[in-house]
Protein backbone atom coordinates (compact mmCIF):
# COMPACT_ATOMS: atom_id res chain seq x y z
CA MET A 1 36.13 -41.76 59.60
CA ALA A 2 34.96 -38.40 57.96
CA LYS A 3 38.67 -37.65 57.27
CA PRO A 4 39.07 -40.61 54.75
CA ALA A 5 35.88 -39.85 53.09
CA THR A 6 36.95 -36.06 52.75
CA ALA A 7 40.33 -37.06 51.15
CA ALA A 8 38.75 -39.16 48.97
CA SER A 9 36.31 -36.76 47.73
CA SER A 10 39.13 -34.40 47.44
CA GLY A 11 40.99 -36.82 45.16
CA ALA A 12 37.80 -37.17 43.08
CA GLY A 13 37.56 -33.61 42.52
CA SER A 14 41.05 -33.06 41.69
CA LYS A 15 40.89 -35.74 39.08
CA SER A 16 37.67 -34.17 37.74
CA THR A 17 39.53 -30.92 37.40
CA GLU A 18 42.45 -32.44 35.64
CA ALA A 19 40.31 -34.20 33.18
CA ALA A 20 38.33 -31.04 32.38
CA ALA A 21 41.68 -29.02 31.73
CA ALA A 22 42.74 -31.81 29.61
CA ALA A 23 39.75 -31.48 27.71
CA THR A 24 40.10 -27.69 27.59
CA GLY A 25 43.69 -28.34 26.10
CA SER A 26 42.53 -30.71 23.79
CA SER A 27 39.84 -28.47 22.46
CA LYS A 28 42.21 -25.85 22.20
CA ASN A 29 44.78 -27.60 20.21
CA LYS A 30 41.90 -29.01 17.86
CA LYS A 31 41.01 -25.24 17.29
CA PHE A 32 44.45 -24.36 16.67
CA LEU A 33 44.87 -27.34 14.12
CA ILE A 34 41.96 -26.33 12.44
CA ALA A 35 42.83 -23.00 12.21
CA ALA A 36 46.38 -24.05 10.78
CA ALA A 37 44.81 -26.21 8.31
CA LEU A 38 42.49 -23.43 7.06
CA VAL A 39 45.39 -21.16 6.45
CA VAL A 40 47.18 -23.91 4.74
CA VAL A 41 44.26 -24.28 2.40
CA GLY A 42 43.59 -20.84 1.75
CA VAL A 43 47.70 -20.11 0.90
CA GLY A 44 47.26 -23.15 -1.51
CA ALA A 45 44.64 -22.03 -3.19
CA MET A 46 45.87 -18.41 -3.76
CA VAL A 47 49.03 -19.81 -5.15
CA ILE A 48 47.02 -22.25 -7.72
CA ALA A 49 44.82 -19.44 -8.46
CA GLY A 50 48.11 -17.43 -9.57
CA MET A 51 49.68 -20.09 -11.85
CA PRO A 52 49.06 -19.50 -15.20
CA ASP A 53 46.72 -21.60 -17.29
CA LYS A 54 48.77 -23.86 -19.21
CA ASN A 55 46.01 -23.81 -22.03
CA ALA A 56 45.80 -20.12 -22.42
CA PRO A 57 48.28 -18.58 -24.95
CA SER A 58 51.13 -16.95 -22.98
CA THR A 59 51.74 -12.97 -23.21
CA ALA A 60 55.13 -13.53 -25.40
CA ALA A 61 53.18 -15.64 -27.89
CA THR A 62 50.15 -13.24 -28.28
CA SER A 63 52.49 -10.15 -28.71
CA ALA A 64 54.76 -12.06 -31.16
CA GLN A 65 51.76 -12.76 -33.75
CA PRO A 66 50.03 -9.86 -35.33
CA GLY A 67 46.54 -9.50 -33.93
CA PRO A 68 43.61 -7.04 -34.81
CA ALA A 69 44.01 -3.76 -33.45
CA ALA A 70 42.06 -2.86 -30.30
CA ASN A 71 41.02 0.39 -31.75
CA SER A 72 40.54 -0.78 -35.19
CA PRO A 73 36.92 -2.36 -36.57
CA VAL A 74 36.40 -5.93 -36.97
CA GLY A 75 37.81 -7.33 -40.07
CA ALA A 76 40.11 -4.37 -40.52
CA GLY A 77 43.40 -5.84 -42.15
CA LEU A 78 46.12 -3.79 -40.44
CA ARG A 79 47.55 -5.66 -37.49
CA SER A 80 50.53 -5.00 -35.28
CA SER A 81 52.92 -7.63 -33.44
CA GLU A 82 52.39 -5.51 -30.17
CA TYR A 83 50.43 -2.18 -29.24
CA GLN A 84 52.09 -1.44 -25.89
CA PHE A 85 55.88 -1.72 -25.07
CA ASP A 86 58.00 -0.80 -21.97
CA PHE A 87 61.54 0.38 -22.10
CA GLY A 88 61.60 -0.32 -18.49
CA SER A 89 64.34 2.12 -16.70
CA ILE A 90 66.31 4.18 -19.21
CA SER A 91 69.10 6.91 -18.59
CA MET A 92 69.11 10.39 -20.26
CA ALA A 93 72.94 9.88 -19.96
CA ALA A 94 72.68 6.85 -22.21
CA GLY A 95 70.87 8.74 -25.21
CA LYS A 96 68.06 7.61 -27.57
CA VAL A 97 66.41 4.26 -27.66
CA SER A 98 64.38 2.56 -30.31
CA HIS A 99 61.90 -0.03 -30.64
CA ARG A 100 60.36 -1.83 -33.76
CA TYR A 101 56.65 -2.32 -34.13
CA TYR A 102 55.96 -5.36 -36.83
CA LEU A 103 52.97 -4.60 -39.19
CA ALA A 104 51.30 -6.92 -41.28
CA ASN A 105 48.14 -6.73 -43.52
CA GLY A 106 45.96 -9.76 -42.69
CA GLY A 107 42.64 -8.87 -44.65
CA GLN A 108 41.81 -9.37 -48.22
CA ASP A 109 42.19 -5.82 -49.71
CA PRO A 110 44.96 -3.56 -49.90
CA VAL A 111 45.40 -1.05 -46.95
CA VAL A 112 46.67 2.40 -47.71
CA ILE A 113 49.16 3.96 -45.00
CA ARG A 114 48.06 7.74 -44.91
CA LYS A 115 50.43 9.31 -42.01
CA LEU A 116 52.14 8.59 -39.24
CA TYR A 117 53.07 10.99 -36.29
CA THR A 118 54.24 11.17 -32.73
CA SER A 119 52.24 12.44 -29.51
CA CYS A 120 55.62 14.50 -28.37
CA MET A 121 58.64 16.04 -29.97
CA CYS A 122 60.76 13.73 -28.07
CA THR A 123 59.69 10.90 -30.17
CA THR A 124 60.08 10.21 -33.77
CA ALA A 125 58.84 7.32 -36.10
CA GLU A 126 59.53 5.58 -39.59
CA PHE A 127 57.33 3.53 -41.37
CA VAL A 128 59.80 0.77 -43.33
CA LYS A 129 58.43 -1.25 -45.96
CA GLY A 130 61.22 -3.53 -47.71
CA ILE A 131 64.08 -1.14 -48.55
CA ARG A 132 61.82 1.87 -48.76
CA ARG A 133 61.93 4.04 -45.37
CA PHE A 134 59.24 6.86 -44.82
CA GLY A 135 60.19 9.70 -42.33
CA PRO A 136 61.25 10.28 -39.74
CA PHE A 137 57.92 11.92 -38.68
CA GLY A 138 57.43 13.79 -35.51
CA MET A 139 54.58 15.47 -33.40
CA GLN A 140 51.62 16.70 -35.52
CA GLY A 141 51.36 20.53 -35.21
CA HIS A 142 54.81 21.02 -34.28
CA THR A 143 55.96 19.79 -37.49
CA ASP A 144 55.03 19.14 -41.03
CA ILE A 145 53.54 15.91 -41.31
CA PRO A 146 53.56 14.93 -44.99
CA SER A 147 50.95 12.21 -46.55
CA ILE A 148 52.76 8.67 -46.88
CA ASN A 149 50.01 7.35 -48.93
CA GLN A 150 51.71 3.75 -49.51
CA SER A 151 49.59 0.83 -50.35
CA PHE A 152 50.11 -2.36 -48.20
CA ALA A 153 48.80 -5.33 -49.99
CA PRO A 154 47.38 -8.48 -48.43
CA GLY A 155 50.04 -10.61 -46.60
CA GLU A 156 52.59 -7.80 -47.04
CA ARG A 157 54.69 -7.11 -44.17
CA ALA A 158 56.38 -3.71 -42.76
CA TYR A 159 57.27 -2.23 -39.48
CA VAL A 160 57.29 1.11 -37.64
CA GLU A 161 60.81 2.18 -36.17
CA VAL A 162 60.33 4.48 -33.12
CA VAL A 163 63.03 6.44 -31.37
CA PHE A 164 62.53 8.01 -28.24
CA ASP A 165 64.80 10.81 -26.87
CA PRO A 166 64.94 10.67 -23.04
CA ALA A 167 67.05 13.91 -22.72
CA ALA A 168 64.78 15.97 -24.69
CA HIS A 169 62.94 17.53 -22.06
CA GLY A 170 66.31 18.00 -20.01
CA PRO A 171 65.75 17.59 -16.06
CA ALA A 172 62.11 18.15 -16.24
CA GLY A 173 62.00 14.78 -18.20
CA VAL A 174 63.01 12.44 -15.41
CA GLY A 175 60.31 9.81 -13.98
CA PRO A 176 57.52 7.91 -15.86
CA ILE A 177 56.72 8.75 -19.55
CA GLU A 178 54.07 7.52 -22.04
CA ARG A 179 54.00 8.10 -25.77
CA VAL A 180 51.85 7.36 -28.59
CA VAL A 181 52.61 6.80 -32.40
CA THR A 182 49.46 7.16 -34.47
CA ILE A 183 49.31 5.55 -37.95
CA GLU A 184 46.18 6.93 -40.21
CA ASN A 185 45.20 4.26 -42.44
CA SER A 186 42.05 3.32 -44.82
CA ALA A 187 41.49 0.16 -42.79
CA GLY A 188 39.17 2.10 -40.13
CA GLN A 189 40.33 4.13 -37.18
CA PRO A 190 43.60 4.99 -36.59
CA MET A 191 46.04 2.66 -34.97
CA GLN A 192 47.86 3.71 -31.98
CA LEU A 193 51.18 2.01 -30.72
CA ALA A 194 52.30 3.16 -27.16
CA PHE A 195 55.19 2.81 -25.27
CA SER A 196 56.16 3.81 -22.04
CA ALA A 197 59.74 4.25 -19.83
CA TYR A 198 61.01 5.22 -16.54
CA VAL A 199 63.57 8.03 -17.35
CA LYS A 200 66.75 8.51 -14.99
CA PRO A 201 69.28 11.18 -15.28
């Protein structure tokens, strides 16, 4: 008579062990689902944070419109369409590259463009207003930099054309470069127009 009681008791213990195992498995499943949900929410938040703001002006639109120079005092009229340009990867074998920075006088008074010079002998720059070209000008201290002294009327537009020779430094010129063109003017601090590139043989 004792044996059936033991068997019954053994069966009850087995059921309770299975119930405990099922509860543990269910708990693990819940934890896994919660962790997976947190990962999905985290990735979603990062994707949303990385999306551009539709109300913010795009970089392209901003760079296309002449704005105040970062290094000019507030109210200065001389502005450029951009202050930094990246040529990307360029080849010495392909020869010289050029870029135009468009200028405008958005102020109420004329601005006098006094001088234009570059930060390296590998770079030249010209100031072009209408059909008149001034330059090319090179690196200050390595060549004579004559004064331009051109009045730039309110609402008037012009451009600076920059030419970079990637072969100017020979094999030592391979790799990343950064150069600056400086415009001395009567509107305040000199305006600086920069460019970069990665030079390959």
